[in-house]
């Protein structure tokens, strides 16, 4: 274990310990801030945690948490805005999928009112098989429709950051999306690993668990998945 590893562990412990001490009020303040400013909090959660996941992946691959051109700051900015997009997607699919399932059930049975029933089951605090089923449907649709686009866009920004020296100024330069998508994205890796394997094998069950949790724990679990997301995508970038 290197000195940098010890410093990282100590920093993470210093940040996390207050959340487990009720007297500090950190956990309550965190939940209140998330409820009052969900998208601002989403920006910072993903900017910090997903970027940390990429740094840990770099440490595993190359033995360091940062290197010239890696671009921690621009990566954090990109993850921050992706965090907002992810929070928006979660809100849309959590609301829309029960309505969609209800409309399908209405059409099949000839009776109306299934959407309200599904929304009530999904929003209930009690964990039931019905809630798990709807959570799974939300996870599958969100990860099948939104995740591939988001992951591919992240790959493009990753290439753009590396090609521009890992600077914030470089991030702000026009991104040549057509050239990156057609010539620089390793589609065998992007499709064969990132999309084809991680989405059904990891993200379907992971987000099913997320949507089964109470709202206050969904926030914390989604933040932890932000680390996993950054970690998985960064590992994919170095996967041989």
C-alpha atoms as a PDB file:
ATOM      1  CA  UNK A   1       0.000   0.000   0.000  1.00  0.00           C
ATOM      2  CA  UNK A   2       1.406   3.348  -1.062  1.00  0.00           C
ATOM      3  CA  UNK A   3       1.284   6.632   0.801  1.00  0.00           C
ATOM      4  CA  UNK A   4      -1.339   7.911  -1.654  1.00  0.00           C
ATOM      5  CA  UNK A   5      -3.583   4.944  -0.771  1.00  0.00           C
ATOM      6  CA  UNK A   6      -3.347   5.730   2.933  1.00  0.00           C
ATOM      7  CA  UNK A   7      -4.130   9.409   2.317  1.00  0.00           C
ATOM      8  CA  UNK A   8      -7.175   8.468   0.220  1.00  0.00           C
ATOM      9  CA  UNK A   9      -8.477   6.040   2.853  1.00  0.00           C
ATOM     10  CA  UNK A  10      -8.041   8.641   5.612  1.00  0.00           C
ATOM     11  CA  UNK A  11      -9.803  11.339   3.561  1.00  0.00           C
ATOM     12  CA  UNK A  12     -12.731   9.038   2.754  1.00  0.00           C
ATOM     13  CA  UNK A  13     -13.024   8.026   6.411  1.00  0.00           C
ATOM     14  CA  UNK A  14     -12.975  11.664   7.565  1.00  0.00           C
ATOM     15  CA  UNK A  15     -15.796  12.474   5.133  1.00  0.00           C
ATOM     16  CA  UNK A  16     -17.948   9.412   5.897  1.00  0.00           C
ATOM     17  CA  UNK A  17     -17.641   9.047   9.667  1.00  0.00           C
ATOM     18  CA  UNK A  18     -19.772  12.129  10.508  1.00  0.00           C
ATOM     19  CA  UNK A  19     -22.669  10.612   8.535  1.00  0.00           C
ATOM     20  CA  UNK A  20     -22.770   7.696  10.990  1.00  0.00           C
ATOM     21  CA  UNK A  21     -22.776   9.917  14.085  1.00  0.00           C
ATOM     22  CA  UNK A  22     -26.363  11.145  14.625  1.00  0.00           C
ATOM     23  CA  UNK A  23     -25.249  14.021  16.848  1.00  0.00           C
ATOM     24  CA  UNK A  24     -23.432  15.693  13.951  1.00  0.00           C
ATOM     25  CA  UNK A  25     -26.624  16.034  11.876  1.00  0.00           C
ATOM     26  CA  UNK A  26     -24.652  15.445   8.671  1.00  0.00           C
ATOM     27  CA  UNK A  27     -26.945  12.709   7.337  1.00  0.00           C
ATOM     28  CA  UNK A  28     -30.082  14.763   7.988  1.00  0.00           C
ATOM     29  CA  UNK A  29     -28.503  17.837   6.413  1.00  0.00           C
ATOM     30  CA  UNK A  30     -27.481  15.745   3.401  1.00  0.00           C
ATOM     31  CA  UNK A  31     -31.020  14.460   2.923  1.00  0.00           C
ATOM     32  CA  UNK A  32     -32.522  17.936   3.362  1.00  0.00           C
ATOM     33  CA  UNK A  33     -30.133  19.419   0.821  1.00  0.00           C
ATOM     34  CA  UNK A  34     -30.921  16.637  -1.644  1.00  0.00           C
ATOM     35  CA  UNK A  35     -34.666  17.175  -1.211  1.00  0.00           C
ATOM     36  CA  UNK A  36     -34.371  20.965  -1.590  1.00  0.00           C
ATOM     37  CA  UNK A  37     -31.769  21.035  -4.388  1.00  0.00           C
ATOM     38  CA  UNK A  38     -31.801  17.598  -6.053  1.00  0.00           C
ATOM     39  CA  UNK A  39     -30.021  18.550  -9.265  1.00  0.00           C
ATOM     40  CA  UNK A  40     -27.345  20.702  -7.671  1.00  0.00           C
ATOM     41  CA  UNK A  41     -26.638  17.854  -5.249  1.00  0.00           C
ATOM     42  CA  UNK A  42     -26.626  15.388  -8.159  1.00  0.00           C
ATOM     43  CA  UNK A  43     -23.958  17.502  -9.863  1.00  0.00           C
ATOM     44  CA  UNK A  44     -21.640  17.410  -6.853  1.00  0.00           C
ATOM     45  CA  UNK A  45     -22.306  13.768  -5.924  1.00  0.00           C
ATOM     46  CA  UNK A  46     -21.376  12.490  -9.363  1.00  0.00           C
ATOM     47  CA  UNK A  47     -18.589  15.018  -9.871  1.00  0.00           C
ATOM     48  CA  UNK A  48     -16.902  13.733  -6.713  1.00  0.00           C
ATOM     49  CA  UNK A  49     -17.843  10.062  -6.553  1.00  0.00           C
ATOM     50  CA  UNK A  50     -17.773   9.003 -10.215  1.00  0.00           C
ATOM     51  CA  UNK A  51     -14.483  10.828 -10.739  1.00  0.00           C
ATOM     52  CA  UNK A  52     -13.134   9.046  -7.659  1.00  0.00           C
ATOM     53  CA  UNK A  53     -14.158   5.763  -9.281  1.00  0.00           C
ATOM     54  CA  UNK A  54     -12.107   6.623 -12.365  1.00  0.00           C
ATOM     55  CA  UNK A  55      -9.125   7.583 -10.216  1.00  0.00           C
ATOM     56  CA  UNK A  56      -9.299   4.257  -8.383  1.00  0.00           C
ATOM     57  CA  UNK A  57      -9.467   2.427 -11.708  1.00  0.00           C
ATOM     58  CA  UNK A  58      -6.388   4.329 -12.891  1.00  0.00           C
ATOM     59  CA  UNK A  59      -4.643   3.313  -9.670  1.00  0.00           C
ATOM     60  CA  UNK A  60      -5.445  -0.352 -10.384  1.00  0.00           C
ATOM     61  CA  UNK A  61      -4.264  -0.144 -13.987  1.00  0.00           C
ATOM     62  CA  UNK A  62      -1.189   2.064 -13.661  1.00  0.00           C
ATOM     63  CA  UNK A  63      -0.440   2.379  -9.947  1.00  0.00           C
ATOM     64  CA  UNK A  64      -1.282   6.097  -9.675  1.00  0.00           C
ATOM     65  CA  UNK A  65      -4.414   8.141  -8.988  1.00  0.00           C
ATOM     66  CA  UNK A  66      -3.501  10.854 -11.455  1.00  0.00           C
ATOM     67  CA  UNK A  67      -1.163  11.328 -14.374  1.00  0.00           C
ATOM     68  CA  UNK A  68      -0.349  13.994 -16.933  1.00  0.00           C
ATOM     69  CA  UNK A  69      -3.278  14.531 -19.273  1.00  0.00           C
ATOM     70  CA  UNK A  70      -5.719  12.480 -17.171  1.00  0.00           C
ATOM     71  CA  UNK A  71      -7.732  15.589 -16.344  1.00  0.00           C
ATOM     72  CA  UNK A  72      -9.367  15.207 -12.938  1.00  0.00           C
ATOM     73  CA  UNK A  73     -11.016  18.658 -13.098  1.00  0.00           C
ATOM     74  CA  UNK A  74     -12.583  18.309 -16.569  1.00  0.00           C
ATOM     75  CA  UNK A  75     -13.693  14.757 -15.764  1.00  0.00           C
ATOM     76  CA  UNK A  76     -15.388  16.023 -12.614  1.00  0.00           C
ATOM     77  CA  UNK A  77     -17.184  18.736 -14.614  1.00  0.00           C
ATOM     78  CA  UNK A  78     -18.424  16.199 -17.165  1.00  0.00           C
ATOM     79  CA  UNK A  79     -19.568  13.807 -14.431  1.00  0.00           C
ATOM     80  CA  UNK A  80     -21.350  16.648 -12.682  1.00  0.00           C
ATOM     81  CA  UNK A  81     -23.515  17.382 -15.706  1.00  0.00           C
ATOM     82  CA  UNK A  82     -23.998  13.671 -16.364  1.00  0.00           C
ATOM     83  CA  UNK A  83     -25.164  13.413 -12.749  1.00  0.00           C
ATOM     84  CA  UNK A  84     -27.853  15.995 -13.461  1.00  0.00           C
ATOM     85  CA  UNK A  85     -28.899  14.025 -16.554  1.00  0.00           C
ATOM     86  CA  UNK A  86     -29.004  10.788 -14.533  1.00  0.00           C
ATOM     87  CA  UNK A  87     -31.127  12.415 -11.805  1.00  0.00           C
ATOM     88  CA  UNK A  88     -33.520  13.737 -14.472  1.00  0.00           C
ATOM     89  CA  UNK A  89     -33.694  10.298 -16.088  1.00  0.00           C
ATOM     90  CA  UNK A  90     -34.466   8.616 -12.788  1.00  0.00           C
ATOM     91  CA  UNK A  91     -37.295  11.061 -12.087  1.00  0.00           C
ATOM     92  CA  UNK A  92     -38.760  10.620 -15.577  1.00  0.00           C
ATOM     93  CA  UNK A  93     -38.662   6.819 -15.608  1.00  0.00           C
ATOM     94  CA  UNK A  94     -39.848   6.429 -11.990  1.00  0.00           C
ATOM     95  CA  UNK A  95     -42.921   8.433 -12.904  1.00  0.00           C
ATOM     96  CA  UNK A  96     -43.423   7.266 -16.490  1.00  0.00           C
ATOM     97  CA  UNK A  97     -42.915   3.505 -16.299  1.00  0.00           C
ATOM     98  CA  UNK A  98     -45.765   2.790 -13.830  1.00  0.00           C
ATOM     99  CA  UNK A  99     -48.017   4.903 -16.056  1.00  0.00           C
ATOM    100  CA  UNK A 100     -46.878   2.980 -19.132  1.00  0.00           C
ATOM    101  CA  UNK A 101     -47.388  -0.387 -17.431  1.00  0.00           C
ATOM    102  CA  UNK A 102     -50.835   0.756 -16.319  1.00  0.00           C
ATOM    103  CA  UNK A 103     -51.823   1.737 -19.857  1.00  0.00           C
ATOM    104  CA  UNK A 104     -50.723  -1.689 -21.123  1.00  0.00           C
ATOM    105  CA  UNK A 105     -52.722  -3.416 -18.380  1.00  0.00           C
ATOM    106  CA  UNK A 106     -55.749  -1.222 -19.194  1.00  0.00           C
ATOM    107  CA  UNK A 107     -55.549  -2.242 -22.854  1.00  0.00           C
ATOM    108  CA  UNK A 108     -55.185  -5.942 -22.044  1.00  0.00           C
ATOM    109  CA  UNK A 109     -57.953  -6.128 -19.457  1.00  0.00           C
ATOM    110  CA  UNK A 110     -60.352  -3.518 -20.788  1.00  0.00           C
ATOM    111  CA  UNK A 111     -60.479  -1.866 -17.370  1.00  0.00           C
ATOM    112  CA  UNK A 112     -59.021   1.520 -16.415  1.00  0.00           C
ATOM    113  CA  UNK A 113     -57.162   2.545 -13.281  1.00  0.00           C
ATOM    114  CA  UNK A 114     -54.121   0.266 -13.363  1.00  0.00           C
ATOM    115  CA  UNK A 115     -51.691   3.185 -13.631  1.00  0.00           C
ATOM    116  CA  UNK A 116     -52.812   4.634 -10.292  1.00  0.00           C
ATOM    117  CA  UNK A 117     -52.612   1.203  -8.683  1.00  0.00           C
ATOM    118  CA  UNK A 118     -49.101   0.569  -9.994  1.00  0.00           C
ATOM    119  CA  UNK A 119     -47.946   4.013  -8.877  1.00  0.00           C
ATOM    120  CA  UNK A 120     -49.329   3.347  -5.390  1.00  0.00           C
ATOM    121  CA  UNK A 121     -47.629  -0.070  -5.194  1.00  0.00           C
ATOM    122  CA  UNK A 122     -44.335   1.353  -6.446  1.00  0.00           C
ATOM    123  CA  UNK A 123     -44.455   4.288  -4.049  1.00  0.00           C
ATOM    124  CA  UNK A 124     -45.400   2.245  -0.986  1.00  0.00           C
ATOM    125  CA  UNK A 125     -42.879   1.932   1.818  1.00  0.00           C
ATOM    126  CA  UNK A 126     -43.602  -1.782   2.180  1.00  0.00           C
ATOM    127  CA  UNK A 127     -41.446  -4.047   0.020  1.00  0.00           C
ATOM    128  CA  UNK A 128     -43.619  -6.414  -2.035  1.00  0.00           C
ATOM    129  CA  UNK A 129     -43.068  -8.544  -5.117  1.00  0.00           C
ATOM    130  CA  UNK A 130     -45.205  -6.074  -7.021  1.00  0.00           C
ATOM    131  CA  UNK A 131     -42.885  -3.225  -6.068  1.00  0.00           C
ATOM    132  CA  UNK A 132     -39.844  -5.305  -7.009  1.00  0.00           C
ATOM    133  CA  UNK A 133     -41.394  -6.094 -10.398  1.00  0.00           C
ATOM    134  CA  UNK A 134     -42.125  -2.451 -11.154  1.00  0.00           C
ATOM    135  CA  UNK A 135     -38.653  -1.432  -9.923  1.00  0.00           C
ATOM    136  CA  UNK A 136     -37.141  -3.998 -12.272  1.00  0.00           C
ATOM    137  CA  UNK A 137     -39.208  -2.633 -15.170  1.00  0.00           C
ATOM    138  CA  UNK A 138     -38.078   0.917 -14.371  1.00  0.00           C
ATOM    139  CA  UNK A 139     -34.467  -0.233 -14.231  1.00  0.00           C
ATOM    140  CA  UNK A 140     -34.653  -2.188 -17.487  1.00  0.00           C
ATOM    141  CA  UNK A 141     -36.291   0.624 -19.461  1.00  0.00           C
ATOM    142  CA  UNK A 142     -34.069   3.366 -18.048  1.00  0.00           C
ATOM    143  CA  UNK A 143     -30.875   1.410 -18.637  1.00  0.00           C
ATOM    144  CA  UNK A 144     -31.958   0.216 -22.085  1.00  0.00           C
ATOM    145  CA  UNK A 145     -33.046   3.640 -23.371  1.00  0.00           C
ATOM    146  CA  UNK A 146     -30.949   6.211 -21.519  1.00  0.00           C
ATOM    147  CA  UNK A 147     -27.791   4.408 -20.392  1.00  0.00           C
ATOM    148  CA  UNK A 148     -26.288   3.486 -23.818  1.00  0.00           C
ATOM    149  CA  UNK A 149     -26.525   7.101 -24.996  1.00  0.00           C
ATOM    150  CA  UNK A 150     -25.095   8.449 -21.755  1.00  0.00           C
ATOM    151  CA  UNK A 151     -22.248   5.926 -21.668  1.00  0.00           C
ATOM    152  CA  UNK A 152     -21.305   6.580 -25.296  1.00  0.00           C
ATOM    153  CA  UNK A 153     -21.367  10.337 -24.742  1.00  0.00           C
ATOM    154  CA  UNK A 154     -19.134   9.870 -21.703  1.00  0.00           C
ATOM    155  CA  UNK A 155     -16.710   7.858 -23.820  1.00  0.00           C
ATOM    156  CA  UNK A 156     -16.568  10.695 -26.342  1.00  0.00           C
ATOM    157  CA  UNK A 157     -15.855  13.268 -23.644  1.00  0.00           C
ATOM    158  CA  UNK A 158     -13.189  10.974 -22.192  1.00  0.00           C
ATOM    159  CA  UNK A 159     -11.401  10.850 -25.560  1.00  0.00           C
ATOM    160  CA  UNK A 160     -11.825  14.620 -25.983  1.00  0.00           C
ATOM    161  CA  UNK A 161     -10.288  15.311 -22.551  1.00  0.00           C
ATOM    162  CA  UNK A 162      -7.290  13.067 -23.204  1.00  0.00           C
ATOM    163  CA  UNK A 163      -6.671  14.571 -26.635  1.00  0.00           C
ATOM    164  CA  UNK A 164      -6.708  18.098 -25.204  1.00  0.00           C
ATOM    165  CA  UNK A 165      -4.196  17.561 -22.434  1.00  0.00           C
ATOM    166  CA  UNK A 166      -6.633  16.996 -19.577  1.00  0.00           C
ATOM    167  CA  UNK A 167      -7.280  20.705 -19.028  1.00  0.00           C
ATOM    168  CA  UNK A 168     -10.496  22.594 -18.418  1.00  0.00           C
ATOM    169  CA  UNK A 169      -9.641  24.893 -21.318  1.00  0.00           C
ATOM    170  CA  UNK A 170      -9.223  21.826 -23.515  1.00  0.00           C
ATOM    171  CA  UNK A 171     -12.623  20.544 -22.403  1.00  0.00           C
ATOM    172  CA  UNK A 172     -14.219  23.767 -23.632  1.00  0.00           C
ATOM    173  CA  UNK A 173     -12.826  23.358 -27.132  1.00  0.00           C
ATOM    174  CA  UNK A 174     -15.336  22.157 -29.769  1.00  0.00           C
ATOM    175  CA  UNK A 175     -15.663  18.384 -29.634  1.00  0.00           C
ATOM    176  CA  UNK A 176     -15.437  16.622 -33.005  1.00  0.00           C
ATOM    177  CA  UNK A 177     -18.245  14.161 -32.330  1.00  0.00           C
ATOM    178  CA  UNK A 178     -18.424  12.742 -35.838  1.00  0.00           C
ATOM    179  CA  UNK A 179     -14.721  11.980 -35.982  1.00  0.00           C
ATOM    180  CA  UNK A 180     -14.652  10.557 -32.463  1.00  0.00           C
ATOM    181  CA  UNK A 181     -17.676   8.323 -33.032  1.00  0.00           C
ATOM    182  CA  UNK A 182     -16.541   7.042 -36.420  1.00  0.00           C
ATOM    183  CA  UNK A 183     -12.788   6.688 -35.900  1.00  0.00           C
ATOM    184  CA  UNK A 184     -11.787   6.804 -32.242  1.00  0.00           C
ATOM    185  CA  UNK A 185     -14.388   4.900 -30.212  1.00  0.00           C
ATOM    186  CA  UNK A 186     -13.497   1.216 -29.817  1.00  0.00           C
ATOM    187  CA  UNK A 187     -16.955  -0.133 -30.614  1.00  0.00           C
ATOM    188  CA  UNK A 188     -15.978  -3.725 -29.910  1.00  0.00           C
ATOM    189  CA  UNK A 189     -15.196  -2.687 -26.333  1.00  0.00           C
ATOM    190  CA  UNK A 190     -17.959  -0.083 -26.032  1.00  0.00           C
ATOM    191  CA  UNK A 191     -20.661  -2.423 -27.300  1.00  0.00           C
ATOM    192  CA  UNK A 192     -19.193  -5.784 -26.338  1.00  0.00           C
ATOM    193  CA  UNK A 193     -18.361  -4.866 -22.746  1.00  0.00           C
ATOM    194  CA  UNK A 194     -19.789  -1.533 -21.591  1.00  0.00           C
ATOM    195  CA  UNK A 195     -23.243  -1.842 -23.142  1.00  0.00           C
ATOM    196  CA  UNK A 196     -23.759  -5.532 -23.845  1.00  0.00           C
ATOM    197  CA  UNK A 197     -22.413  -6.876 -20.535  1.00  0.00           C
ATOM    198  CA  UNK A 198     -22.450  -4.235 -17.794  1.00  0.00           C
ATOM    199  CA  UNK A 199     -25.989  -2.998 -18.483  1.00  0.00           C
ATOM    200  CA  UNK A 200     -27.871  -6.326 -18.188  1.00  0.00           C
ATOM    201  CA  UNK A 201     -25.502  -8.021 -15.748  1.00  0.00           C
ATOM    202  CA  UNK A 202     -24.845  -5.127 -13.376  1.00  0.00           C
ATOM    203  CA  UNK A 203     -27.073  -2.111 -13.927  1.00  0.00           C
ATOM    204  CA  UNK A 204     -30.410  -3.952 -14.311  1.00  0.00           C
ATOM    205  CA  UNK A 205     -30.132  -5.571 -10.842  1.00  0.00           C
ATOM    206  CA  UNK A 206     -28.278  -2.632  -9.253  1.00  0.00           C
ATOM    207  CA  UNK A 207     -30.949  -0.103 -10.133  1.00  0.00           C
ATOM    208  CA  UNK A 208     -33.715  -2.560  -9.264  1.00  0.00           C
ATOM    209  CA  UNK A 209     -32.309  -2.461  -5.739  1.00  0.00           C
ATOM    210  CA  UNK A 210     -32.070   1.335  -5.937  1.00  0.00           C
ATOM    211  CA  UNK A 211     -35.737   1.765  -6.813  1.00  0.00           C
ATOM    212  CA  UNK A 212     -36.812  -0.632  -4.061  1.00  0.00           C
ATOM    213  CA  UNK A 213     -35.151   1.454  -1.352  1.00  0.00           C
ATOM    214  CA  UNK A 214     -36.847   4.290   0.558  1.00  0.00           C
ATOM    215  CA  UNK A 215     -36.277   7.688  -1.116  1.00  0.00           C
ATOM    216  CA  UNK A 216     -33.683   8.849   1.415  1.00  0.00           C
ATOM    217  CA  UNK A 217     -31.634   5.672   0.920  1.00  0.00           C
ATOM    218  CA  UNK A 218     -32.014   5.872  -2.853  1.00  0.00           C
ATOM    219  CA  UNK A 219     -29.986   9.070  -2.739  1.00  0.00           C
ATOM    220  CA  UNK A 220     -27.154   7.443  -0.812  1.00  0.00           C
ATOM    221  CA  UNK A 221     -27.215   4.256  -2.905  1.00  0.00           C
ATOM    222  CA  UNK A 222     -27.243   6.218  -6.165  1.00  0.00           C
ATOM    223  CA  UNK A 223     -24.205   8.144  -4.936  1.00  0.00           C
ATOM    224  CA  UNK A 224     -22.402   4.875  -4.226  1.00  0.00           C
ATOM    225  CA  UNK A 225     -23.359   3.572  -7.666  1.00  0.00           C
ATOM    226  CA  UNK A 226     -21.755   6.732  -9.037  1.00  0.00           C
ATOM    227  CA  UNK A 227     -18.431   5.361  -7.823  1.00  0.00           C
ATOM    228  CA  UNK A 228     -19.178   2.003  -9.449  1.00  0.00           C
ATOM    229  CA  UNK A 229     -20.201   3.676 -12.714  1.00  0.00           C
ATOM    230  CA  UNK A 230     -17.020   5.690 -12.982  1.00  0.00           C
ATOM    231  CA  UNK A 231     -14.981   2.643 -11.951  1.00  0.00           C
ATOM    232  CA  UNK A 232     -16.570   0.294 -14.526  1.00  0.00           C
ATOM    233  CA  UNK A 233     -16.295   2.733 -17.417  1.00  0.00           C
ATOM    234  CA  UNK A 234     -12.690   3.563 -16.555  1.00  0.00           C
ATOM    235  CA  UNK A 235     -11.784  -0.127 -16.316  1.00  0.00           C
ATOM    236  CA  UNK A 236     -13.422  -0.609 -19.717  1.00  0.00           C
ATOM    237  CA  UNK A 237     -11.166   2.084 -21.175  1.00  0.00           C
ATOM    238  CA  UNK A 238      -8.133   0.022 -20.172  1.00  0.00           C
ATOM    239  CA  UNK A 239      -9.629  -3.439 -20.746  1.00  0.00           C
ATOM    240  CA  UNK A 240      -7.620  -5.569 -23.156  1.00  0.00           C
END
